[in-house]
Amino acid sequence: MAEALVNTFKPLLGTPHPIQELVLIPSSGGRYEVTLDGEVVYSKAATHQHTTNEYVIEQVRKRLK
């Protein structure tokens, strides 16, 4: 998922990458959260379901506008 996010939001020529920082933190039980600027974009711990890269990318895209 990290690779999908970085590759999807490539910077325009001469501009900084829109993702300033991407941190992966290992957890137990396959739980993970995706946050953007401190706001939770997706939480497997909360939903108890896996998601798709496409769903997370769309949620990030909405928040970057």
PDB file of N, CA and C in Angstrom:
ATOM      1  N   MET A   1       0.820  -1.182   0.000  1.00  0.00           N
ATOM      2  CA  MET A   1       0.000   0.000   0.000  1.00  0.00           C
ATOM      3  C   MET A   1       0.876   1.262   0.000  1.00  0.00           C
ATOM      4  N   ALA A   2       1.969   1.232   0.725  1.00  0.00           N
ATOM      5  CA  ALA A   2       2.855   2.394   0.758  1.00  0.00           C
ATOM      6  C   ALA A   2       3.371   2.723  -0.637  1.00  0.00           C
ATOM      7  N   GLU A   3       3.785   1.699  -1.365  1.00  0.00           N
ATOM      8  CA  GLU A   3       4.279   1.907  -2.724  1.00  0.00           C
ATOM      9  C   GLU A   3       3.182   2.486  -3.615  1.00  0.00           C
ATOM     10  N   ALA A   4       1.965   1.989  -3.474  1.00  0.00           N
ATOM     11  CA  ALA A   4       0.845   2.492  -4.272  1.00  0.00           C
ATOM     12  C   ALA A   4       0.582   3.967  -3.982  1.00  0.00           C
ATOM     13  N   LEU A   5       0.648   4.354  -2.719  1.00  0.00           N
ATOM     14  CA  LEU A   5       0.423   5.764  -2.365  1.00  0.00           C
ATOM     15  C   LEU A   5       1.517   6.663  -2.940  1.00  0.00           C
ATOM     16  N   VAL A   6       2.762   6.266  -2.764  1.00  0.00           N
ATOM     17  CA  VAL A   6       3.877   7.082  -3.254  1.00  0.00           C
ATOM     18  C   VAL A   6       3.833   7.204  -4.770  1.00  0.00           C
ATOM     19  N   ASN A   7       3.547   6.121  -5.460  1.00  0.00           N
ATOM     20  CA  ASN A   7       3.521   6.152  -6.924  1.00  0.00           C
ATOM     21  C   ASN A   7       2.297   6.879  -7.475  1.00  0.00           C
ATOM     22  N   THR A   8       1.193   6.828  -6.772  1.00  0.00           N
ATOM     23  CA  THR A   8      -0.022   7.498  -7.235  1.00  0.00           C
ATOM     24  C   THR A   8       0.107   9.011  -7.140  1.00  0.00           C
ATOM     25  N   PHE A   9       0.690   9.475  -6.068  1.00  0.00           N
ATOM     26  CA  PHE A   9       0.780  10.920  -5.832  1.00  0.00           C
ATOM     27  C   PHE A   9       2.176  11.434  -6.157  1.00  0.00           C
ATOM     28  N   LYS A  10       2.616  11.160  -7.375  1.00  0.00           N
ATOM     29  CA  LYS A  10       3.928  11.630  -7.816  1.00  0.00           C
ATOM     30  C   LYS A  10       3.909  13.153  -7.939  1.00  0.00           C
ATOM     31  N   PRO A  11       5.024  13.792  -7.621  1.00  0.00           N
ATOM     32  CA  PRO A  11       5.064  15.255  -7.724  1.00  0.00           C
ATOM     33  C   PRO A  11       5.114  15.717  -9.177  1.00  0.00           C
ATOM     34  N   LEU A  12       4.600  16.900  -9.396  1.00  0.00           N
ATOM     35  CA  LEU A  12       4.763  17.533 -10.699  1.00  0.00           C
ATOM     36  C   LEU A  12       6.212  17.982 -10.821  1.00  0.00           C
ATOM     37  N   LEU A  13       6.694  18.093 -12.024  1.00  0.00           N
ATOM     38  CA  LEU A  13       8.080  18.484 -12.260  1.00  0.00           C
ATOM     39  C   LEU A  13       8.399  19.780 -11.516  1.00  0.00           C
ATOM     40  N   GLY A  14       9.424  19.745 -10.707  1.00  0.00           N
ATOM     41  CA  GLY A  14       9.879  20.933  -9.995  1.00  0.00           C
ATOM     42  C   GLY A  14       9.106  21.234  -8.723  1.00  0.00           C
ATOM     43  N   THR A  15       8.199  20.353  -8.299  1.00  0.00           N
ATOM     44  CA  THR A  15       7.451  20.581  -7.057  1.00  0.00           C
ATOM     45  C   THR A  15       7.771  19.456  -6.080  1.00  0.00           C
ATOM     46  N   PRO A  16       7.607  19.730  -4.785  1.00  0.00           N
ATOM     47  CA  PRO A  16       7.869  18.678  -3.806  1.00  0.00           C
ATOM     48  C   PRO A  16       6.800  17.588  -3.872  1.00  0.00           C
ATOM     49  N   HIS A  17       7.153  16.416  -3.408  1.00  0.00           N
ATOM     50  CA  HIS A  17       6.198  15.309  -3.374  1.00  0.00           C
ATOM     51  C   HIS A  17       5.060  15.681  -2.414  1.00  0.00           C
ATOM     52  N   PRO A  18       3.796  15.442  -2.797  1.00  0.00           N
ATOM     53  CA  PRO A  18       2.680  15.801  -1.923  1.00  0.00           C
ATOM     54  C   PRO A  18       2.632  14.995  -0.629  1.00  0.00           C
ATOM     55  N   ILE A  19       3.306  13.851  -0.595  1.00  0.00           N
ATOM     56  CA  ILE A  19       3.390  13.083   0.645  1.00  0.00           C
ATOM     57  C   ILE A  19       4.718  13.443   1.299  1.00  0.00           C
ATOM     58  N   GLN A  20       4.646  14.214   2.364  1.00  0.00           N
ATOM     59  CA  GLN A  20       5.847  14.682   3.050  1.00  0.00           C
ATOM     60  C   GLN A  20       6.517  13.571   3.853  1.00  0.00           C
ATOM     61  N   GLU A  21       5.685  12.682   4.408  1.00  0.00           N
ATOM     62  CA  GLU A  21       6.234  11.630   5.248  1.00  0.00           C
ATOM     63  C   GLU A  21       5.300  10.425   5.178  1.00  0.00           C
ATOM     64  N   LEU A  22       5.879   9.252   5.103  1.00  0.00           N
ATOM     65  CA  LEU A  22       5.128   8.013   5.088  1.00  0.00           C
ATOM     66  C   LEU A  22       5.804   7.093   6.082  1.00  0.00           C
ATOM     67  N   VAL A  23       5.097   6.717   7.134  1.00  0.00           N
ATOM     68  CA  VAL A  23       5.670   5.914   8.199  1.00  0.00           C
ATOM     69  C   VAL A  23       4.872   4.623   8.320  1.00  0.00           C
ATOM     70  N   LEU A  24       5.564   3.506   8.301  1.00  0.00           N
ATOM     71  CA  LEU A  24       4.933   2.211   8.512  1.00  0.00           C
ATOM     72  C   LEU A  24       5.316   1.720   9.900  1.00  0.00           C
ATOM     73  N   ILE A  25       4.308   1.421  10.708  1.00  0.00           N
ATOM     74  CA  ILE A  25       4.544   0.971  12.074  1.00  0.00           C
ATOM     75  C   ILE A  25       3.989  -0.445  12.219  1.00  0.00           C
ATOM     76  N   PRO A  26       4.851  -1.424  12.462  1.00  0.00           N
ATOM     77  CA  PRO A  26       4.378  -2.791  12.615  1.00  0.00           C
ATOM     78  C   PRO A  26       3.419  -2.913  13.795  1.00  0.00           C
ATOM     79  N   SER A  27       2.456  -3.808  13.655  1.00  0.00           N
ATOM     80  CA  SER A  27       1.484  -4.052  14.710  1.00  0.00           C
ATOM     81  C   SER A  27       1.168  -5.537  14.723  1.00  0.00           C
ATOM     82  N   SER A  28       0.397  -5.951  15.679  1.00  0.00           N
ATOM     83  CA  SER A  28       0.036  -7.374  15.760  1.00  0.00           C
ATOM     84  C   SER A  28      -1.344  -7.612  15.168  1.00  0.00           C
ATOM     85  N   GLY A  29      -1.592  -8.812  14.766  1.00  0.00           N
ATOM     86  CA  GLY A  29      -2.910  -9.182  14.276  1.00  0.00           C
ATOM     87  C   GLY A  29      -3.285  -8.579  12.944  1.00  0.00           C
ATOM     88  N   GLY A  30      -2.311  -8.055  12.195  1.00  0.00           N
ATOM     89  CA  GLY A  30      -2.599  -7.493  10.885  1.00  0.00           C
ATOM     90  C   GLY A  30      -3.312  -6.151  10.926  1.00  0.00           C
ATOM     91  N   ARG A  31      -3.347  -5.519  12.083  1.00  0.00           N
ATOM     92  CA  ARG A  31      -4.014  -4.219  12.207  1.00  0.00           C
ATOM     93  C   ARG A  31      -3.134  -3.118  11.632  1.00  0.00           C
ATOM     94  N   TYR A  32      -3.767  -2.131  11.051  1.00  0.00           N
ATOM     95  CA  TYR A  32      -3.037  -0.956  10.570  1.00  0.00           C
ATOM     96  C   TYR A  32      -3.999   0.210  10.417  1.00  0.00           C
ATOM     97  N   GLU A  33      -3.432   1.387  10.417  1.00  0.00           N
ATOM     98  CA  GLU A  33      -4.190   2.606  10.170  1.00  0.00           C
ATOM     99  C   GLU A  33      -3.443   3.429   9.144  1.00  0.00           C
ATOM    100  N   VAL A  34      -4.190   4.163   8.356  1.00  0.00           N
ATOM    101  CA  VAL A  34      -3.625   5.122   7.418  1.00  0.00           C
ATOM    102  C   VAL A  34      -4.103   6.479   7.875  1.00  0.00           C
ATOM    103  N   THR A  35      -3.166   7.383   8.147  1.00  0.00           N
ATOM    104  CA  THR A  35      -3.528   8.735   8.573  1.00  0.00           C
ATOM    105  C   THR A  35      -2.896   9.749   7.628  1.00  0.00           C
ATOM    106  N   LEU A  36      -3.537  10.893   7.544  1.00  0.00           N
ATOM    107  CA  LEU A  36      -3.030  12.003   6.741  1.00  0.00           C
ATOM    108  C   LEU A  36      -3.202  13.267   7.561  1.00  0.00           C
ATOM    109  N   ASP A  37      -2.101  13.938   7.847  1.00  0.00           N
ATOM    110  CA  ASP A  37      -2.125  15.150   8.672  1.00  0.00           C
ATOM    111  C   ASP A  37      -2.838  14.917   9.995  1.00  0.00           C
ATOM    112  N   GLY A  38      -2.599  13.745  10.592  1.00  0.00           N
ATOM    113  CA  GLY A  38      -3.170  13.435  11.891  1.00  0.00           C
ATOM    114  C   GLY A  38      -4.611  12.935  11.853  1.00  0.00           C
ATOM    115  N   GLU A  39      -5.218  12.883  10.684  1.00  0.00           N
ATOM    116  CA  GLU A  39      -6.602  12.431  10.541  1.00  0.00           C
ATOM    117  C   GLU A  39      -6.606  10.999  10.003  1.00  0.00           C
ATOM    118  N   VAL A  40      -7.390  10.129  10.632  1.00  0.00           N
ATOM    119  CA  VAL A  40      -7.458   8.741  10.201  1.00  0.00           C
ATOM    120  C   VAL A  40      -8.202   8.653   8.874  1.00  0.00           C
ATOM    121  N   VAL A  41      -7.544   8.075   7.887  1.00  0.00           N
ATOM    122  CA  VAL A  41      -8.128   7.863   6.569  1.00  0.00           C
ATOM    123  C   VAL A  41      -8.778   6.483   6.527  1.00  0.00           C
ATOM    124  N   TYR A  42      -8.106   5.505   7.133  1.00  0.00           N
ATOM    125  CA  TYR A  42      -8.640   4.146   7.198  1.00  0.00           C
ATOM    126  C   TYR A  42      -8.055   3.450   8.419  1.00  0.00           C
ATOM    127  N   SER A  43      -8.884   2.674   9.100  1.00  0.00           N
ATOM    128  CA  SER A  43      -8.427   1.915  10.259  1.00  0.00           C
ATOM    129  C   SER A  43      -8.957   0.488  10.172  1.00  0.00           C
ATOM    130  N   LYS A  44      -8.053  -0.455  10.003  1.00  0.00           N
ATOM    131  CA  LYS A  44      -8.473  -1.858  10.010  1.00  0.00           C
ATOM    132  C   LYS A  44      -8.907  -2.251  11.407  1.00  0.00           C
ATOM    133  N   ALA A  45      -8.291  -1.653  12.423  1.00  0.00           N
ATOM    134  CA  ALA A  45      -8.679  -1.944  13.801  1.00  0.00           C
ATOM    135  C   ALA A  45     -10.134  -1.550  14.045  1.00  0.00           C
ATOM    136  N   ALA A  46     -10.580  -0.466  13.429  1.00  0.00           N
ATOM    137  CA  ALA A  46     -11.956   0.005  13.622  1.00  0.00           C
ATOM    138  C   ALA A  46     -12.952  -0.767  12.767  1.00  0.00           C
ATOM    139  N   THR A  47     -12.562  -1.125  11.527  1.00  0.00           N
ATOM    140  CA  THR A  47     -13.498  -1.769  10.610  1.00  0.00           C
ATOM    141  C   THR A  47     -13.449  -3.296  10.684  1.00  0.00           C
ATOM    142  N   HIS A  48     -12.338  -3.836  11.174  1.00  0.00           N
ATOM    143  CA  HIS A  48     -12.123  -5.287  11.230  1.00  0.00           C
ATOM    144  C   HIS A  48     -12.168  -5.918   9.838  1.00  0.00           C
ATOM    145  N   GLN A  49     -11.843  -5.122   8.820  1.00  0.00           N
ATOM    146  CA  GLN A  49     -11.825  -5.611   7.447  1.00  0.00           C
ATOM    147  C   GLN A  49     -10.604  -5.065   6.723  1.00  0.00           C
ATOM    148  N   HIS A  50     -10.086  -5.861   5.789  1.00  0.00           N
ATOM    149  CA  HIS A  50      -9.038  -5.352   4.910  1.00  0.00           C
ATOM    150  C   HIS A  50      -9.688  -4.420   3.898  1.00  0.00           C
ATOM    151  N   THR A  51      -8.923  -3.503   3.383  1.00  0.00           N
ATOM    152  CA  THR A  51      -9.412  -2.611   2.337  1.00  0.00           C
ATOM    153  C   THR A  51      -8.547  -2.766   1.104  1.00  0.00           C
ATOM    154  N   THR A  52      -8.898  -2.053   0.065  1.00  0.00           N
ATOM    155  CA  THR A  52      -8.096  -2.088  -1.162  1.00  0.00           C
ATOM    156  C   THR A  52      -7.205  -0.852  -1.221  1.00  0.00           C
ATOM    157  N   ASN A  53      -6.129  -0.973  -1.974  1.00  0.00           N
ATOM    158  CA  ASN A  53      -5.280   0.199  -2.201  1.00  0.00           C
ATOM    159  C   ASN A  53      -6.096   1.311  -2.842  1.00  0.00           C
ATOM    160  N   GLU A  54      -6.966   0.948  -3.764  1.00  0.00           N
ATOM    161  CA  GLU A  54      -7.765   1.941  -4.486  1.00  0.00           C
ATOM    162  C   GLU A  54      -8.642   2.756  -3.534  1.00  0.00           C
ATOM    163  N   TYR A  55      -9.248   2.097  -2.551  1.00  0.00           N
ATOM    164  CA  TYR A  55     -10.098   2.810  -1.590  1.00  0.00           C
ATOM    165  C   TYR A  55      -9.279   3.818  -0.790  1.00  0.00           C
ATOM    166  N   VAL A  56      -8.140   3.379  -0.287  1.00  0.00           N
ATOM    167  CA  VAL A  56      -7.299   4.272   0.519  1.00  0.00           C
ATOM    168  C   VAL A  56      -6.789   5.428  -0.333  1.00  0.00           C
ATOM    169  N   ILE A  57      -6.378   5.145  -1.567  1.00  0.00           N
ATOM    170  CA  ILE A  57      -5.896   6.195  -2.465  1.00  0.00           C
ATOM    171  C   ILE A  57      -6.996   7.233  -2.699  1.00  0.00           C
ATOM    172  N   GLU A  58      -8.218   6.787  -2.911  1.00  0.00           N
ATOM    173  CA  GLU A  58      -9.334   7.709  -3.129  1.00  0.00           C
ATOM    174  C   GLU A  58      -9.587   8.567  -1.887  1.00  0.00           C
ATOM    175  N   GLN A  59      -9.494   7.983  -0.704  1.00  0.00           N
ATOM    176  CA  GLN A  59      -9.706   8.746   0.528  1.00  0.00           C
ATOM    177  C   GLN A  59      -8.598   9.798   0.711  1.00  0.00           C
ATOM    178  N   VAL A  60      -7.363   9.418   0.400  1.00  0.00           N
ATOM    179  CA  VAL A  60      -6.247  10.369   0.487  1.00  0.00           C
ATOM    180  C   VAL A  60      -6.442  11.485  -0.552  1.00  0.00           C
ATOM    181  N   ARG A  61      -6.823  11.121  -1.778  1.00  0.00           N
ATOM    182  CA  ARG A  61      -7.033  12.094  -2.837  1.00  0.00           C
ATOM    183  C   ARG A  61      -8.074  13.138  -2.405  1.00  0.00           C
ATOM    184  N   LYS A  62      -9.154  12.717  -1.801  1.00  0.00           N
ATOM    185  CA  LYS A  62     -10.213  13.635  -1.343  1.00  0.00           C
ATOM    186  C   LYS A  62      -9.662  14.630  -0.330  1.00  0.00           C
ATOM    187  N   ARG A  63      -8.781  14.165   0.537  1.00  0.00           N
ATOM    188  CA  ARG A  63      -8.258  15.037   1.592  1.00  0.00           C
ATOM    189  C   ARG A  63      -7.142  15.967   1.100  1.00  0.00           C
ATOM    190  N   LEU A  64      -6.489  15.610   0.001  1.00  0.00           N
ATOM    191  CA  LEU A  64      -5.431  16.460  -0.540  1.00  0.00           C
ATOM    192  C   LEU A  64      -5.966  17.618  -1.360  1.00  0.00           C
ATOM    193  N   LYS A  65      -7.240  17.580  -1.746  1.00  0.00           N
ATOM    194  CA  LYS A  65      -7.806  18.651  -2.578  1.00  0.00           C
ATOM    195  C   LYS A  65      -8.052  19.901  -1.777  1.00  0.00           C
TER     196      LYS A  65
END
